[in-house]
Amino acid sequence: MKIFTLAAAMSLSLIALSACGSTTSDRALSGAAIGAGAGAVGGALLGSPIEGALIGGAVGAGAGALTDQDDINLGKPIWR
């Protein structure tokens, strides 16, 4: 049950938020940040926020790098 909850939370955050920015590096960076945050929250609920943040960050970075601007566009990142 714990693994299912963590996987569901990370999948939802990736689908909704992982693709901010217009370049591949922007998308990977924002995806990693969002994934780490969501993973830390999910991990805290399940007992290991550090593991959740590491897994979420890695998955978010991968999802951000594998999507392009036309897939999901949430606008310019805050660091630009």
C-alpha atoms as a PDB file:
ATOM      1  CA  MET A   1       0.000   0.000   0.000  1.00  0.00           C
ATOM      2  CA  LYS A   2       2.836   2.398   0.810  1.00  0.00           C
ATOM      3  CA  ILE A   3       4.526   1.853  -2.542  1.00  0.00           C
ATOM      4  CA  PHE A   4       1.248   2.372  -4.385  1.00  0.00           C
ATOM      5  CA  THR A   5       0.610   5.668  -2.578  1.00  0.00           C
ATOM      6  CA  LEU A   6       4.111   6.925  -3.318  1.00  0.00           C
ATOM      7  CA  ALA A   7       3.905   5.881  -6.974  1.00  0.00           C
ATOM      8  CA  ALA A   8       0.512   7.535  -7.369  1.00  0.00           C
ATOM      9  CA  ALA A   9       1.689  10.801  -5.795  1.00  0.00           C
ATOM     10  CA  MET A  10       4.819  10.937  -7.932  1.00  0.00           C
ATOM     11  CA  SER A  11       2.954  10.063 -11.119  1.00  0.00           C
ATOM     12  CA  LEU A  12       0.375  12.756 -10.519  1.00  0.00           C
ATOM     13  CA  SER A  13       3.021  15.395  -9.823  1.00  0.00           C
ATOM     14  CA  LEU A  14       4.995  14.415 -12.917  1.00  0.00           C
ATOM     15  CA  ILE A  15       1.998  14.543 -15.190  1.00  0.00           C
ATOM     16  CA  ALA A  16       0.845  17.876 -13.814  1.00  0.00           C
ATOM     17  CA  LEU A  17       4.053  19.800 -13.254  1.00  0.00           C
ATOM     18  CA  SER A  18       7.238  18.297 -14.630  1.00  0.00           C
ATOM     19  CA  ALA A  19       7.464  20.237 -17.872  1.00  0.00           C
ATOM     20  CA  CYS A  20       8.122  23.883 -16.983  1.00  0.00           C
ATOM     21  CA  GLY A  21      10.486  25.805 -19.245  1.00  0.00           C
ATOM     22  CA  SER A  22      11.323  25.820 -22.916  1.00  0.00           C
ATOM     23  CA  THR A  23      14.772  24.184 -23.097  1.00  0.00           C
ATOM     24  CA  THR A  24      15.617  20.618 -22.175  1.00  0.00           C
ATOM     25  CA  SER A  25      17.832  21.713 -19.297  1.00  0.00           C
ATOM     26  CA  ASP A  26      15.125  24.034 -17.907  1.00  0.00           C
ATOM     27  CA  ARG A  27      12.594  21.259 -18.065  1.00  0.00           C
ATOM     28  CA  ALA A  28      14.932  18.751 -16.415  1.00  0.00           C
ATOM     29  CA  LEU A  29      15.819  21.206 -13.644  1.00  0.00           C
ATOM     30  CA  SER A  30      12.242  22.195 -12.889  1.00  0.00           C
ATOM     31  CA  GLY A  31      11.115  18.573 -13.127  1.00  0.00           C
ATOM     32  CA  ALA A  32      13.798  17.553 -10.632  1.00  0.00           C
ATOM     33  CA  ALA A  33      12.794  20.294  -8.197  1.00  0.00           C
ATOM     34  CA  ILE A  34       9.096  19.538  -8.422  1.00  0.00           C
ATOM     35  CA  GLY A  35       9.688  15.785  -8.260  1.00  0.00           C
ATOM     36  CA  ALA A  36      11.948  16.118  -5.227  1.00  0.00           C
ATOM     37  CA  GLY A  37       9.350  18.202  -3.427  1.00  0.00           C
ATOM     38  CA  ALA A  38       6.543  15.807  -4.215  1.00  0.00           C
ATOM     39  CA  GLY A  39       8.744  12.832  -3.370  1.00  0.00           C
ATOM     40  CA  ALA A  40       9.723  14.342  -0.026  1.00  0.00           C
ATOM     41  CA  VAL A  41       6.080  14.865   0.884  1.00  0.00           C
ATOM     42  CA  GLY A  42       5.157  11.364  -0.218  1.00  0.00           C
ATOM     43  CA  GLY A  43       8.191   9.938   1.553  1.00  0.00           C
ATOM     44  CA  ALA A  44       7.334  11.792   4.748  1.00  0.00           C
ATOM     45  CA  LEU A  45       3.886  10.237   4.692  1.00  0.00           C
ATOM     46  CA  LEU A  46       5.429   6.807   4.218  1.00  0.00           C
ATOM     47  CA  GLY A  47       8.358   7.206   6.616  1.00  0.00           C
ATOM     48  CA  SER A  48      11.375   8.172   4.490  1.00  0.00           C
ATOM     49  CA  PRO A  49      11.350  11.734   3.101  1.00  0.00           C
ATOM     50  CA  ILE A  50      14.988  11.603   1.936  1.00  0.00           C
ATOM     51  CA  GLU A  51      14.426   8.486  -0.155  1.00  0.00           C
ATOM     52  CA  GLY A  52      11.228   9.971  -1.536  1.00  0.00           C
ATOM     53  CA  ALA A  53      13.016  13.205  -2.480  1.00  0.00           C
ATOM     54  CA  LEU A  54      15.847  11.337  -4.216  1.00  0.00           C
ATOM     55  CA  ILE A  55      13.524   9.098  -6.186  1.00  0.00           C
ATOM     56  CA  GLY A  56      11.124  11.929  -7.006  1.00  0.00           C
ATOM     57  CA  GLY A  57      13.955  14.205  -8.124  1.00  0.00           C
ATOM     58  CA  ALA A  58      15.403  11.565 -10.413  1.00  0.00           C
ATOM     59  CA  VAL A  59      12.045  10.694 -11.941  1.00  0.00           C
ATOM     60  CA  GLY A  60      11.107  14.366 -12.306  1.00  0.00           C
ATOM     61  CA  ALA A  61      14.387  15.222 -14.013  1.00  0.00           C
ATOM     62  CA  GLY A  62      13.936  12.343 -16.415  1.00  0.00           C
ATOM     63  CA  ALA A  63      10.357  13.291 -17.209  1.00  0.00           C
ATOM     64  CA  GLY A  64      11.307  16.921 -17.711  1.00  0.00           C
ATOM     65  CA  ALA A  65      14.180  16.018 -20.016  1.00  0.00           C
ATOM     66  CA  LEU A  66      12.081  13.595 -22.068  1.00  0.00           C
ATOM     67  CA  THR A  67       9.226  16.000 -22.747  1.00  0.00           C
ATOM     68  CA  ASP A  68       9.331  18.930 -25.115  1.00  0.00           C
ATOM     69  CA  GLN A  69       7.721  22.339 -25.016  1.00  0.00           C
ATOM     70  CA  ASP A  70       4.719  21.218 -27.047  1.00  0.00           C
ATOM     71  CA  ASP A  71       3.814  18.370 -24.666  1.00  0.00           C
ATOM     72  CA  ILE A  72       3.110  20.514 -21.595  1.00  0.00           C
ATOM     73  CA  ASN A  73       3.816  24.236 -21.400  1.00  0.00           C
ATOM     74  CA  LEU A  74       3.425  26.014 -18.063  1.00  0.00           C
ATOM     75  CA  GLY A  75       5.302  29.147 -19.113  1.00  0.00           C
ATOM     76  CA  LYS A  76       8.746  30.549 -18.459  1.00  0.00           C
ATOM     77  CA  PRO A  77      10.609  29.249 -15.389  1.00  0.00           C
ATOM     78  CA  ILE A  78      11.067  31.665 -12.481  1.00  0.00           C
ATOM     79  CA  TRP A  79      14.860  31.767 -12.894  1.00  0.00           C
ATOM     80  CA  ARG A  80      14.647  33.415 -16.325  1.00  0.00           C
END
